[in-house]
Amino acid sequence: MAIYRFRISFEDFDDVVREIDIKTNQTFEDLHRAIHRSTGYDAEKSSSFYVSTDNWIKGDEIALLPNQRKIDNGITLMGKSKLSSFVEDPHQKFYYIYNFERPFDFHVELIKIILENDPNIEYPFLVKSIGEAPKIIDKNNMAGFVAAATATSSEFDFLNELDFVPEDTEELEAMGGRGINAEEVDEESEEEEEKDEFAEGDDDYAEDFGSGKDDDY
C-alpha cells in the first residue's frame, strides 16, 4: 500500500507546520482527525477540504459535519471520500478550512509518495511537527484569557506613571546622570555651603576676640 506524505501549514501562521503520512486508501476524515491530534484542536467541528489549484484557488468541496443546505446540494463527505480519488497530481494541493464558526485556514500539499508502507507504523502518522498551533479562544477558556489580560494590564508601569515622554531623556542626560532629585541635592549643597561660611565667620570672630583679650592683659 502506497503512502502519501502531506505538509500542512496555517495560512496565517506559516511557521507552524505538520507533516503527516497517510495511506492512499484512507479518507479525508482520517486526515482531518490526524491534523487535529497534532494541533490539539477539537476535531468535532464543521470543516472542509477543497481541491485546489497551485495558487490555492478552491474547487470541489469535501466536508465534515456540513450544514443542511450543503447536504441538500449533495455535498461530498469526508468520511466517504478516499484521498486517492482526489489526488491527480504528484504535488496535489488542498485548501482546508477548520471550524467554520471560528475558522482557521490551512494549506495542505502532497510532498511525497512512498511506495510501501511500514508495517510497524500505524497510519496516519505524524512525521514532523514544527511550531505551536495558535490558541483558540472560546467559552471554555475565555475566563483564563481574560484573567491573564487583566493581570498584564494591572502591572505597574513606572515610566507611564511618571508621565514620561521621550523628550525627557534629554533633560535626564543634561543632569549628568545625577537623577530626578538632582535639584534637591543642589539646594541641600547650597545650604551646607552657607552654613560653612557662617561657621568660618564665627571662627574668625573667635580668633579676633581671643587675641584682643591677650593684648589687654
N, C-alpha and C. Protein backbone atom coordinates (compact mmCIF):
# COMPACT_ATOMS: atom_id res chain seq x y z
N MET A 1 0.84 -1.20 0.00
CA MET A 1 0.00 0.00 0.00
C MET A 1 0.88 1.25 0.00
N ALA A 2 0.63 2.15 -0.94
CA ALA A 2 1.40 3.39 -1.03
C ALA A 2 0.98 4.37 0.07
N ILE A 3 1.90 5.29 0.36
CA ILE A 3 1.69 6.28 1.42
C ILE A 3 1.82 7.69 0.84
N TYR A 4 0.89 8.56 1.21
CA TYR A 4 1.00 9.98 0.88
C TYR A 4 1.63 10.70 2.07
N ARG A 5 2.55 11.60 1.77
CA ARG A 5 3.06 12.49 2.82
C ARG A 5 2.58 13.91 2.51
N PHE A 6 1.78 14.45 3.41
CA PHE A 6 1.24 15.79 3.25
C PHE A 6 1.93 16.77 4.20
N ARG A 7 2.21 17.96 3.67
CA ARG A 7 2.66 19.06 4.52
C ARG A 7 1.46 19.96 4.77
N ILE A 8 1.18 20.23 6.05
CA ILE A 8 0.04 21.05 6.44
C ILE A 8 0.56 22.29 7.15
N SER A 9 0.17 23.46 6.67
CA SER A 9 0.62 24.71 7.30
C SER A 9 -0.56 25.67 7.42
N PHE A 10 -0.53 26.48 8.47
CA PHE A 10 -1.54 27.54 8.64
C PHE A 10 -1.31 28.61 7.58
N GLU A 11 -2.38 29.11 7.02
CA GLU A 11 -2.24 30.18 6.03
C GLU A 11 -1.68 31.45 6.67
N ASP A 12 -2.08 31.76 7.91
CA ASP A 12 -1.66 32.99 8.56
C ASP A 12 -0.52 32.79 9.56
N PHE A 13 -0.10 31.56 9.76
CA PHE A 13 1.00 31.26 10.70
C PHE A 13 1.92 30.26 10.01
N ASP A 14 2.69 30.74 9.04
CA ASP A 14 3.45 29.81 8.20
C ASP A 14 4.66 29.20 8.90
N ASP A 15 4.91 29.61 10.17
CA ASP A 15 5.99 28.98 10.92
C ASP A 15 5.49 27.76 11.71
N VAL A 16 4.19 27.46 11.58
CA VAL A 16 3.62 26.27 12.22
C VAL A 16 3.32 25.25 11.12
N VAL A 17 4.03 24.12 11.17
CA VAL A 17 3.96 23.13 10.09
C VAL A 17 3.83 21.73 10.67
N ARG A 18 3.04 20.91 9.99
CA ARG A 18 2.96 19.49 10.32
C ARG A 18 3.15 18.70 9.03
N GLU A 19 3.81 17.54 9.15
CA GLU A 19 3.90 16.60 8.04
C GLU A 19 3.33 15.27 8.50
N ILE A 20 2.41 14.74 7.70
CA ILE A 20 1.67 13.54 8.09
C ILE A 20 1.72 12.52 6.96
N ASP A 21 2.06 11.28 7.32
CA ASP A 21 1.99 10.16 6.39
C ASP A 21 0.64 9.47 6.56
N ILE A 22 0.01 9.14 5.43
CA ILE A 22 -1.31 8.52 5.48
C ILE A 22 -1.47 7.60 4.28
N LYS A 23 -2.17 6.50 4.46
CA LYS A 23 -2.36 5.55 3.36
C LYS A 23 -3.25 6.15 2.28
N THR A 24 -2.98 5.75 1.06
CA THR A 24 -3.73 6.31 -0.07
C THR A 24 -5.21 5.94 -0.02
N ASN A 25 -5.54 4.82 0.64
CA ASN A 25 -6.95 4.41 0.69
C ASN A 25 -7.67 4.92 1.93
N GLN A 26 -6.98 5.73 2.74
CA GLN A 26 -7.66 6.33 3.89
C GLN A 26 -8.42 7.57 3.44
N THR A 27 -9.28 8.07 4.32
CA THR A 27 -10.21 9.12 3.92
C THR A 27 -9.76 10.51 4.36
N PHE A 28 -10.46 11.50 3.84
CA PHE A 28 -10.20 12.88 4.25
C PHE A 28 -10.53 13.08 5.73
N GLU A 29 -11.50 12.32 6.23
CA GLU A 29 -11.79 12.42 7.66
C GLU A 29 -10.62 11.89 8.48
N ASP A 30 -9.97 10.84 8.01
CA ASP A 30 -8.78 10.33 8.69
C ASP A 30 -7.70 11.41 8.74
N LEU A 31 -7.52 12.11 7.63
CA LEU A 31 -6.51 13.17 7.59
C LEU A 31 -6.91 14.33 8.49
N HIS A 32 -8.17 14.70 8.45
CA HIS A 32 -8.69 15.77 9.31
C HIS A 32 -8.41 15.48 10.79
N ARG A 33 -8.70 14.27 11.22
CA ARG A 33 -8.50 13.93 12.63
C ARG A 33 -7.02 13.84 12.98
N ALA A 34 -6.21 13.38 12.04
CA ALA A 34 -4.77 13.32 12.28
C ALA A 34 -4.18 14.72 12.45
N ILE A 35 -4.66 15.66 11.66
CA ILE A 35 -4.19 17.04 11.77
C ILE A 35 -4.46 17.57 13.17
N HIS A 36 -5.64 17.29 13.70
CA HIS A 36 -6.00 17.90 14.99
C HIS A 36 -5.56 17.09 16.20
N ARG A 37 -5.09 15.89 15.96
CA ARG A 37 -4.34 15.23 17.03
C ARG A 37 -3.00 15.95 17.21
N SER A 38 -2.51 16.55 16.15
CA SER A 38 -1.22 17.26 16.22
C SER A 38 -1.37 18.72 16.66
N THR A 39 -2.54 19.33 16.41
CA THR A 39 -2.74 20.72 16.83
C THR A 39 -3.36 20.83 18.22
N GLY A 40 -4.06 19.76 18.63
CA GLY A 40 -4.76 19.80 19.91
C GLY A 40 -6.16 20.39 19.80
N TYR A 41 -6.62 20.66 18.59
CA TYR A 41 -7.96 21.23 18.40
C TYR A 41 -9.02 20.13 18.44
N ASP A 42 -10.25 20.55 18.71
CA ASP A 42 -11.39 19.65 18.72
C ASP A 42 -11.73 19.26 17.28
N ALA A 43 -11.66 17.99 16.97
CA ALA A 43 -11.92 17.53 15.60
C ALA A 43 -13.41 17.51 15.26
N GLU A 44 -14.27 17.63 16.26
CA GLU A 44 -15.72 17.58 16.01
C GLU A 44 -16.26 18.96 15.65
N LYS A 45 -15.69 19.56 14.64
CA LYS A 45 -16.11 20.87 14.16
C LYS A 45 -16.35 20.80 12.66
N SER A 46 -17.35 21.54 12.21
CA SER A 46 -17.65 21.58 10.78
C SER A 46 -16.45 22.14 10.02
N SER A 47 -15.94 21.37 9.06
CA SER A 47 -14.71 21.73 8.34
C SER A 47 -14.79 21.21 6.92
N SER A 48 -13.92 21.73 6.06
CA SER A 48 -13.93 21.28 4.66
C SER A 48 -12.56 21.33 4.03
N PHE A 49 -12.27 20.33 3.20
CA PHE A 49 -11.15 20.37 2.26
C PHE A 49 -11.70 20.82 0.91
N TYR A 50 -10.85 21.52 0.15
CA TYR A 50 -11.21 21.91 -1.21
C TYR A 50 -10.08 21.50 -2.14
N VAL A 51 -10.41 20.80 -3.20
CA VAL A 51 -9.41 20.54 -4.23
C VAL A 51 -8.92 21.89 -4.73
N SER A 52 -7.60 22.07 -4.78
CA SER A 52 -7.06 23.41 -5.01
C SER A 52 -6.11 23.45 -6.21
N THR A 53 -6.01 24.64 -6.78
CA THR A 53 -5.01 24.87 -7.83
C THR A 53 -3.67 25.18 -7.16
N ASP A 54 -2.64 25.36 -7.97
CA ASP A 54 -1.33 25.71 -7.43
C ASP A 54 -1.34 27.06 -6.73
N ASN A 55 -2.32 27.90 -7.05
CA ASN A 55 -2.44 29.22 -6.42
C ASN A 55 -3.46 29.23 -5.28
N TRP A 56 -3.83 28.05 -4.81
CA TRP A 56 -4.74 27.88 -3.68
C TRP A 56 -6.14 28.41 -3.95
N ILE A 57 -6.56 28.32 -5.20
CA ILE A 57 -7.94 28.66 -5.54
C ILE A 57 -8.80 27.42 -5.30
N LYS A 58 -9.87 27.60 -4.54
CA LYS A 58 -10.69 26.47 -4.11
C LYS A 58 -11.58 25.93 -5.23
N GLY A 59 -11.65 24.59 -5.26
CA GLY A 59 -12.52 23.91 -6.22
C GLY A 59 -13.54 23.06 -5.49
N ASP A 60 -13.64 21.78 -5.85
CA ASP A 60 -14.63 20.88 -5.25
C ASP A 60 -14.42 20.76 -3.75
N GLU A 61 -15.54 20.73 -3.02
CA GLU A 61 -15.51 20.70 -1.55
C GLU A 61 -15.76 19.29 -1.03
N ILE A 62 -15.01 18.93 0.01
CA ILE A 62 -15.21 17.66 0.73
C ILE A 62 -15.41 18.03 2.19
N ALA A 63 -16.59 17.75 2.75
CA ALA A 63 -16.99 18.36 4.02
C ALA A 63 -17.14 17.36 5.16
N LEU A 64 -16.97 17.89 6.39
CA LEU A 64 -17.28 17.16 7.62
C LEU A 64 -18.33 17.97 8.38
N LEU A 65 -19.39 17.30 8.81
CA LEU A 65 -20.49 17.94 9.55
C LEU A 65 -21.02 19.16 8.79
N PRO A 66 -21.42 18.98 7.54
CA PRO A 66 -21.92 20.12 6.75
C PRO A 66 -23.29 20.57 7.24
N ASN A 67 -23.65 21.81 6.90
CA ASN A 67 -24.98 22.31 7.25
C ASN A 67 -26.02 21.70 6.30
N GLN A 68 -27.28 21.94 6.61
CA GLN A 68 -28.35 21.31 5.86
C GLN A 68 -28.36 21.74 4.40
N ARG A 69 -28.03 22.98 4.15
CA ARG A 69 -28.02 23.46 2.76
C ARG A 69 -27.03 22.68 1.92
N LYS A 70 -25.83 22.44 2.48
CA LYS A 70 -24.83 21.67 1.74
C LYS A 70 -25.27 20.23 1.55
N ILE A 71 -25.91 19.67 2.57
CA ILE A 71 -26.40 18.30 2.45
C ILE A 71 -27.44 18.20 1.34
N ASP A 72 -28.35 19.18 1.30
CA ASP A 72 -29.39 19.19 0.27
C ASP A 72 -28.79 19.32 -1.13
N ASN A 73 -27.63 19.96 -1.21
CA ASN A 73 -26.97 20.14 -2.51
C ASN A 73 -26.06 18.96 -2.87
N GLY A 74 -26.08 17.92 -2.03
CA GLY A 74 -25.32 16.71 -2.34
C GLY A 74 -23.83 16.84 -2.12
N ILE A 75 -23.43 17.54 -1.05
CA ILE A 75 -22.02 17.75 -0.76
C ILE A 75 -21.29 16.42 -0.58
N THR A 76 -20.04 16.35 -1.01
CA THR A 76 -19.21 15.17 -0.81
C THR A 76 -18.73 15.15 0.64
N LEU A 77 -18.81 14.00 1.29
CA LEU A 77 -18.48 13.89 2.71
C LEU A 77 -17.08 13.31 2.90
N MET A 78 -16.37 13.84 3.91
CA MET A 78 -15.00 13.38 4.19
C MET A 78 -14.95 11.89 4.48
N GLY A 79 -15.88 11.42 5.31
CA GLY A 79 -15.83 10.03 5.75
C GLY A 79 -16.03 9.03 4.63
N LYS A 80 -16.57 9.47 3.51
CA LYS A 80 -16.83 8.57 2.39
C LYS A 80 -15.89 8.81 1.21
N SER A 81 -14.89 9.67 1.41
CA SER A 81 -14.03 10.08 0.30
C SER A 81 -12.59 9.67 0.54
N LYS A 82 -12.10 8.73 -0.27
CA LYS A 82 -10.70 8.31 -0.16
C LYS A 82 -9.79 9.37 -0.78
N LEU A 83 -8.64 9.53 -0.18
CA LEU A 83 -7.68 10.52 -0.67
C LEU A 83 -7.29 10.26 -2.12
N SER A 84 -7.08 8.99 -2.44
CA SER A 84 -6.61 8.63 -3.79
C SER A 84 -7.59 9.05 -4.88
N SER A 85 -8.87 9.20 -4.53
CA SER A 85 -9.88 9.58 -5.52
C SER A 85 -9.76 11.05 -5.93
N PHE A 86 -9.00 11.85 -5.14
CA PHE A 86 -8.90 13.29 -5.43
C PHE A 86 -7.47 13.74 -5.69
N VAL A 87 -6.53 12.81 -5.66
CA VAL A 87 -5.14 13.15 -5.95
C VAL A 87 -4.87 12.87 -7.42
N GLU A 88 -4.67 13.94 -8.17
CA GLU A 88 -4.44 13.81 -9.61
C GLU A 88 -3.06 14.32 -10.01
N ASP A 89 -2.30 14.80 -9.02
CA ASP A 89 -1.01 15.42 -9.31
C ASP A 89 -0.03 14.99 -8.21
N PRO A 90 1.24 14.74 -8.55
CA PRO A 90 2.21 14.35 -7.51
C PRO A 90 2.47 15.45 -6.48
N HIS A 91 1.99 16.65 -6.78
CA HIS A 91 2.09 17.76 -5.81
C HIS A 91 0.70 18.34 -5.55
N GLN A 92 -0.27 17.47 -5.47
CA GLN A 92 -1.66 17.88 -5.28
C GLN A 92 -1.81 18.79 -4.06
N LYS A 93 -2.64 19.81 -4.21
CA LYS A 93 -2.89 20.75 -3.11
C LYS A 93 -4.37 20.76 -2.74
N PHE A 94 -4.60 20.91 -1.44
CA PHE A 94 -5.95 21.07 -0.92
C PHE A 94 -5.98 22.29 0.00
N TYR A 95 -6.98 23.13 -0.21
CA TYR A 95 -7.23 24.24 0.72
C TYR A 95 -8.15 23.68 1.80
N TYR A 96 -7.84 23.96 3.06
CA TYR A 96 -8.57 23.33 4.16
C TYR A 96 -9.02 24.38 5.16
N ILE A 97 -10.31 24.39 5.46
CA ILE A 97 -10.85 25.30 6.47
C ILE A 97 -11.35 24.49 7.65
N TYR A 98 -10.79 24.79 8.81
CA TYR A 98 -11.20 24.11 10.04
C TYR A 98 -12.15 25.01 10.83
N ASN A 99 -13.29 24.46 11.24
CA ASN A 99 -14.23 25.11 12.15
C ASN A 99 -14.79 26.41 11.56
N PHE A 100 -15.87 26.29 10.82
CA PHE A 100 -16.45 27.46 10.16
C PHE A 100 -16.96 28.51 11.14
N GLU A 101 -17.21 28.13 12.40
CA GLU A 101 -17.66 29.11 13.38
C GLU A 101 -16.53 30.05 13.78
N ARG A 102 -15.33 29.50 13.96
CA ARG A 102 -14.12 30.29 14.25
C ARG A 102 -13.00 29.73 13.38
N PRO A 103 -13.01 30.07 12.12
CA PRO A 103 -12.18 29.34 11.14
C PRO A 103 -10.68 29.62 11.23
N PHE A 104 -9.93 28.55 10.97
CA PHE A 104 -8.51 28.62 10.65
C PHE A 104 -8.35 28.04 9.26
N ASP A 105 -7.55 28.71 8.43
CA ASP A 105 -7.32 28.24 7.07
C ASP A 105 -5.94 27.58 6.98
N PHE A 106 -5.89 26.48 6.24
CA PHE A 106 -4.66 25.71 6.10
C PHE A 106 -4.35 25.47 4.62
N HIS A 107 -3.06 25.27 4.35
CA HIS A 107 -2.62 24.78 3.05
C HIS A 107 -2.14 23.34 3.24
N VAL A 108 -2.68 22.44 2.46
CA VAL A 108 -2.32 21.02 2.54
C VAL A 108 -1.74 20.62 1.19
N GLU A 109 -0.48 20.18 1.22
CA GLU A 109 0.20 19.88 -0.04
C GLU A 109 0.85 18.50 0.01
N LEU A 110 0.63 17.73 -1.03
CA LEU A 110 1.28 16.43 -1.16
C LEU A 110 2.75 16.67 -1.53
N ILE A 111 3.67 16.19 -0.70
CA ILE A 111 5.09 16.45 -0.96
C ILE A 111 5.87 15.19 -1.29
N LYS A 112 5.25 14.02 -1.05
CA LYS A 112 5.99 12.79 -1.31
C LYS A 112 5.02 11.61 -1.41
N ILE A 113 5.34 10.69 -2.29
CA ILE A 113 4.58 9.44 -2.38
C ILE A 113 5.55 8.30 -2.08
N ILE A 114 5.27 7.57 -1.02
CA ILE A 114 6.11 6.45 -0.60
C ILE A 114 5.44 5.16 -1.08
N LEU A 115 6.17 4.35 -1.81
CA LEU A 115 5.55 3.22 -2.49
C LEU A 115 5.12 2.10 -1.54
N GLU A 116 5.82 1.94 -0.42
CA GLU A 116 5.47 0.87 0.51
C GLU A 116 5.27 1.43 1.91
N ASN A 117 4.24 0.97 2.58
CA ASN A 117 4.02 1.40 3.96
C ASN A 117 4.88 0.57 4.91
N ASP A 118 5.16 1.13 6.07
CA ASP A 118 5.93 0.43 7.11
C ASP A 118 4.95 -0.35 7.98
N PRO A 119 5.07 -1.68 8.04
CA PRO A 119 4.11 -2.48 8.82
C PRO A 119 4.17 -2.20 10.32
N ASN A 120 5.23 -1.54 10.77
CA ASN A 120 5.37 -1.24 12.20
C ASN A 120 4.76 0.11 12.58
N ILE A 121 4.22 0.82 11.59
CA ILE A 121 3.66 2.15 11.84
C ILE A 121 2.15 2.11 11.69
N GLU A 122 1.46 2.77 12.60
CA GLU A 122 0.01 2.92 12.50
C GLU A 122 -0.29 4.25 11.81
N TYR A 123 -0.99 4.19 10.71
CA TYR A 123 -1.29 5.38 9.92
C TYR A 123 -2.71 5.87 10.21
N PRO A 124 -2.90 7.19 10.14
CA PRO A 124 -1.97 8.29 9.82
C PRO A 124 -0.88 8.43 10.89
N PHE A 125 0.27 8.91 10.44
CA PHE A 125 1.44 9.01 11.31
C PHE A 125 2.06 10.41 11.19
N LEU A 126 2.26 11.06 12.34
CA LEU A 126 2.86 12.39 12.35
C LEU A 126 4.37 12.26 12.18
N VAL A 127 4.88 12.77 11.06
CA VAL A 127 6.30 12.66 10.74
C VAL A 127 7.09 13.83 11.31
N LYS A 128 6.52 15.02 11.22
CA LYS A 128 7.24 16.23 11.65
C LYS A 128 6.25 17.23 12.24
N SER A 129 6.68 17.89 13.30
CA SER A 129 5.86 18.93 13.93
C SER A 129 6.75 20.13 14.24
N ILE A 130 6.44 21.27 13.63
CA ILE A 130 7.22 22.49 13.84
C ILE A 130 6.27 23.59 14.33
N GLY A 131 6.61 24.21 15.45
CA GLY A 131 5.82 25.32 15.96
C GLY A 131 4.60 24.87 16.74
N GLU A 132 4.10 25.78 17.56
CA GLU A 132 2.91 25.51 18.37
C GLU A 132 1.69 26.12 17.71
N ALA A 133 0.63 25.34 17.60
CA ALA A 133 -0.60 25.83 17.00
C ALA A 133 -1.16 26.98 17.83
N PRO A 134 -1.67 28.03 17.18
CA PRO A 134 -2.24 29.16 17.93
C PRO A 134 -3.42 28.73 18.79
N LYS A 135 -3.57 29.41 19.93
CA LYS A 135 -4.64 29.08 20.85
C LYS A 135 -5.99 29.53 20.29
N ILE A 136 -7.00 28.75 20.60
CA ILE A 136 -8.37 29.10 20.22
C ILE A 136 -9.09 29.63 21.45
N ILE A 137 -9.66 30.83 21.34
CA ILE A 137 -10.42 31.41 22.45
C ILE A 137 -11.89 31.07 22.26
N ASP A 138 -12.45 30.34 23.20
CA ASP A 138 -13.87 30.04 23.16
C ASP A 138 -14.44 30.12 24.57
N LYS A 139 -15.71 29.77 24.72
CA LYS A 139 -16.37 29.93 26.02
C LYS A 139 -15.74 29.05 27.10
N ASN A 140 -15.05 27.99 26.69
CA ASN A 140 -14.46 27.08 27.67
C ASN A 140 -13.18 27.62 28.29
N ASN A 141 -12.46 28.49 27.57
CA ASN A 141 -11.21 29.01 28.12
C ASN A 141 -11.16 30.53 28.15
N MET A 142 -12.30 31.18 27.90
CA MET A 142 -12.35 32.64 27.88
C MET A 142 -11.92 33.23 29.21
N ALA A 143 -12.35 32.63 30.33
CA ALA A 143 -12.03 33.17 31.65
C ALA A 143 -10.52 33.24 31.87
N GLY A 144 -9.81 32.22 31.41
CA GLY A 144 -8.36 32.21 31.58
C GLY A 144 -7.69 33.32 30.80
N PHE A 145 -8.14 33.57 29.57
CA PHE A 145 -7.55 34.63 28.76
C PHE A 145 -7.85 36.00 29.36
N VAL A 146 -9.08 36.19 29.87
CA VAL A 146 -9.44 37.48 30.48
C VAL A 146 -8.59 37.72 31.72
N ALA A 147 -8.40 36.68 32.55
CA ALA A 147 -7.60 36.83 33.76
C ALA A 147 -6.16 37.19 33.43
N ALA A 148 -5.61 36.55 32.40
CA ALA A 148 -4.23 36.83 32.00
C ALA A 148 -4.09 38.26 31.49
N ALA A 149 -5.08 38.70 30.70
CA ALA A 149 -5.04 40.05 30.16
C ALA A 149 -5.16 41.09 31.27
N THR A 150 -6.02 40.81 32.27
CA THR A 150 -6.20 41.74 33.40
C THR A 150 -4.93 41.85 34.21
N ALA A 151 -4.28 40.71 34.46
CA ALA A 151 -3.04 40.72 35.23
C ALA A 151 -1.96 41.52 34.53
N THR A 152 -1.89 41.38 33.22
CA THR A 152 -0.88 42.11 32.45
C THR A 152 -1.13 43.61 32.48
N SER A 153 -2.41 44.01 32.32
CA SER A 153 -2.73 45.43 32.26
C SER A 153 -2.60 46.12 33.61
N SER A 154 -2.67 45.34 34.72
CA SER A 154 -2.60 45.94 36.05
C SER A 154 -1.18 46.07 36.56
N GLU A 155 -0.19 45.59 35.82
CA GLU A 155 1.19 45.72 36.25
C GLU A 155 1.59 47.18 36.29
N PHE A 156 2.41 47.56 37.27
CA PHE A 156 2.84 48.95 37.42
C PHE A 156 3.83 49.32 36.34
N ASP A 157 3.50 50.34 35.60
CA ASP A 157 4.39 50.85 34.54
C ASP A 157 5.03 52.12 35.06
N PHE A 158 6.30 52.03 35.46
CA PHE A 158 6.98 53.14 36.13
C PHE A 158 7.00 54.40 35.28
N LEU A 159 7.43 54.27 34.02
CA LEU A 159 7.57 55.46 33.18
C LEU A 159 6.22 56.09 32.88
N ASN A 160 5.18 55.26 32.64
CA ASN A 160 3.87 55.83 32.35
C ASN A 160 3.30 56.52 33.58
N GLU A 161 3.53 55.95 34.76
CA GLU A 161 3.03 56.57 35.98
C GLU A 161 3.66 57.94 36.19
N LEU A 162 4.89 58.12 35.71
CA LEU A 162 5.57 59.41 35.85
C LEU A 162 5.29 60.34 34.68
N ASP A 163 4.38 59.92 33.77
CA ASP A 163 4.08 60.69 32.56
C ASP A 163 5.35 60.95 31.77
N PHE A 164 6.20 59.93 31.69
CA PHE A 164 7.47 60.07 30.98
C PHE A 164 7.23 60.12 29.48
N VAL A 165 7.91 61.05 28.82
CA VAL A 165 7.88 61.14 27.37
C VAL A 165 9.31 61.09 26.87
N PRO A 166 9.53 60.65 25.62
CA PRO A 166 10.90 60.52 25.11
C PRO A 166 11.73 61.78 25.24
N GLU A 167 11.08 62.99 25.13
CA GLU A 167 11.83 64.23 25.20
C GLU A 167 12.50 64.40 26.56
N ASP A 168 11.93 63.73 27.60
CA ASP A 168 12.51 63.86 28.93
C ASP A 168 13.90 63.27 29.01
N THR A 169 14.24 62.42 28.06
CA THR A 169 15.55 61.78 28.07
C THR A 169 16.66 62.82 28.01
N GLU A 170 16.45 63.88 27.18
CA GLU A 170 17.47 64.92 27.05
C GLU A 170 17.69 65.63 28.37
N GLU A 171 16.58 65.88 29.11
CA GLU A 171 16.71 66.56 30.39
C GLU A 171 17.48 65.70 31.39
N LEU A 172 17.18 64.38 31.35
CA LEU A 172 17.88 63.48 32.26
C LEU A 172 19.36 63.43 31.94
N GLU A 173 19.68 63.42 30.62
CA GLU A 173 21.08 63.40 30.23
C GLU A 173 21.78 64.69 30.64
N ALA A 174 21.04 65.83 30.55
CA ALA A 174 21.63 67.12 30.93
C ALA A 174 21.97 67.17 32.41
N MET A 175 21.30 66.35 33.20
CA MET A 175 21.59 66.29 34.63
C MET A 175 22.90 65.56 34.92
N GLY A 176 23.48 65.00 33.86
CA GLY A 176 24.76 64.30 34.04
C GLY A 176 24.62 63.03 34.84
N GLY A 177 23.44 62.39 34.73
CA GLY A 177 23.24 61.13 35.43
C GLY A 177 23.00 61.29 36.90
N ARG A 178 22.68 62.53 37.37
CA ARG A 178 22.51 62.76 38.80
C ARG A 178 21.15 62.30 39.31
N GLY A 179 20.22 62.08 38.39
CA GLY A 179 18.94 61.54 38.81
C GLY A 179 17.87 62.60 38.92
N ILE A 180 16.66 62.15 39.24
CA ILE A 180 15.49 63.02 39.25
C ILE A 180 15.55 64.03 40.38
N ASN A 181 16.20 63.69 41.51
CA ASN A 181 16.24 64.57 42.68
C ASN A 181 17.49 65.44 42.71
N ALA A 182 18.09 65.66 41.54
CA ALA A 182 19.34 66.42 41.50
C ALA A 182 19.15 67.84 42.02
N GLU A 183 17.99 68.49 41.70
CA GLU A 183 17.75 69.86 42.15
C GLU A 183 17.72 69.92 43.67
N GLU A 184 17.07 68.92 44.30
CA GLU A 184 17.01 68.91 45.75
C GLU A 184 18.41 68.78 46.33
N VAL A 185 19.24 67.94 45.69
CA VAL A 185 20.61 67.76 46.17
C VAL A 185 21.37 69.07 46.07
N ASP A 186 21.17 69.80 44.93
CA ASP A 186 21.86 71.08 44.74
C ASP A 186 21.46 72.07 45.83
N GLU A 187 20.14 72.12 46.16
CA GLU A 187 19.68 73.04 47.19
C GLU A 187 20.31 72.71 48.54
N GLU A 188 20.38 71.40 48.84
CA GLU A 188 20.99 71.00 50.10
C GLU A 188 22.46 71.39 50.14
N SER A 189 23.15 71.26 48.97
CA SER A 189 24.57 71.62 48.92
C SER A 189 24.76 73.10 49.17
N GLU A 190 23.85 73.94 48.59
CA GLU A 190 23.96 75.38 48.80
C GLU A 190 23.77 75.74 50.27
N GLU A 191 22.79 75.05 50.93
CA GLU A 191 22.56 75.32 52.34
C GLU A 191 23.79 74.96 53.17
N GLU A 192 24.44 73.82 52.81
CA GLU A 192 25.63 73.40 53.54
C GLU A 192 26.74 74.43 53.38
N GLU A 193 26.87 74.95 52.12
CA GLU A 193 27.91 75.94 51.87
C GLU A 193 27.67 77.20 52.70
N GLU A 194 26.38 77.65 52.79
CA GLU A 194 26.07 78.83 53.59
C GLU A 194 26.42 78.61 55.05
N LYS A 195 26.09 77.39 55.56
CA LYS A 195 26.42 77.09 56.95
C LYS A 195 27.92 77.14 57.17
N ASP A 196 28.68 76.61 56.19
CA ASP A 196 30.13 76.60 56.31
C ASP A 196 30.68 78.03 56.35
N GLU A 197 30.08 78.94 55.53
CA GLU A 197 30.54 80.32 55.52
C GLU A 197 30.34 80.98 56.89
N PHE A 198 29.12 80.74 57.46
CA PHE A 198 28.85 81.31 58.79
C PHE A 198 29.78 80.72 59.82
N ALA A 199 30.05 79.42 59.68
CA ALA A 199 30.94 78.77 60.65
C ALA A 199 32.33 79.37 60.57
N GLU A 200 32.81 79.62 59.34
CA GLU A 200 34.12 80.22 59.18
C GLU A 200 34.15 81.62 59.78
N GLY A 201 33.05 82.37 59.60
CA GLY A 201 32.98 83.72 60.17
C GLY A 201 33.05 83.69 61.67
N ASP A 202 32.39 82.73 62.29
CA ASP A 202 32.42 82.60 63.75
C ASP A 202 33.81 82.31 64.23
N ASP A 203 34.53 81.45 63.49
CA ASP A 203 35.89 81.12 63.90
C ASP A 203 36.79 82.34 63.86
N ASP A 204 36.62 83.14 62.78
CA ASP A 204 37.44 84.36 62.67
C ASP A 204 37.15 85.31 63.82
N TYR A 205 35.85 85.42 64.15
CA TYR A 205 35.46 86.32 65.23
C TYR A 205 36.04 85.84 66.55
N ALA A 206 36.01 84.51 66.74
CA ALA A 206 36.54 83.95 67.98
C ALA A 206 38.03 84.21 68.09
N GLU A 207 38.75 84.10 66.98
CA GLU A 207 40.19 84.33 67.00
C GLU A 207 40.50 85.78 67.33
N ASP A 208 39.71 86.70 66.67
CA ASP A 208 39.93 88.12 66.94
C ASP A 208 39.65 88.44 68.40
N PHE A 209 38.57 87.90 68.91
CA PHE A 209 38.19 88.18 70.29
C PHE A 209 39.24 87.66 71.26
N GLY A 210 39.72 86.46 70.95
CA GLY A 210 40.72 85.88 71.84
C GLY A 210 42.00 86.67 71.85
N SER A 211 42.43 87.12 70.70
CA SER A 211 43.69 87.86 70.62
C SER A 211 43.57 89.20 71.31
N GLY A 212 42.35 89.78 71.29
CA GLY A 212 42.14 91.07 71.96
C GLY A 212 42.30 90.94 73.45
N LYS A 213 41.83 89.87 74.04
CA LYS A 213 41.96 89.67 75.48
C LYS A 213 43.41 89.55 75.87
N ASP A 214 44.16 88.84 75.04
CA ASP A 214 45.58 88.68 75.37
C ASP A 214 46.29 90.03 75.35
N ASP A 215 45.94 90.88 74.37
CA ASP A 215 46.61 92.17 74.27
C ASP A 215 46.30 93.02 75.50
N ASP A 216 45.00 93.00 75.90
CA ASP A 216 44.63 93.83 77.05
C ASP A 216 45.33 93.35 78.30
N TYR A 217 45.48 92.09 78.43
CA TYR A 217 46.09 91.53 79.62
C TYR A 217 47.57 91.86 79.66
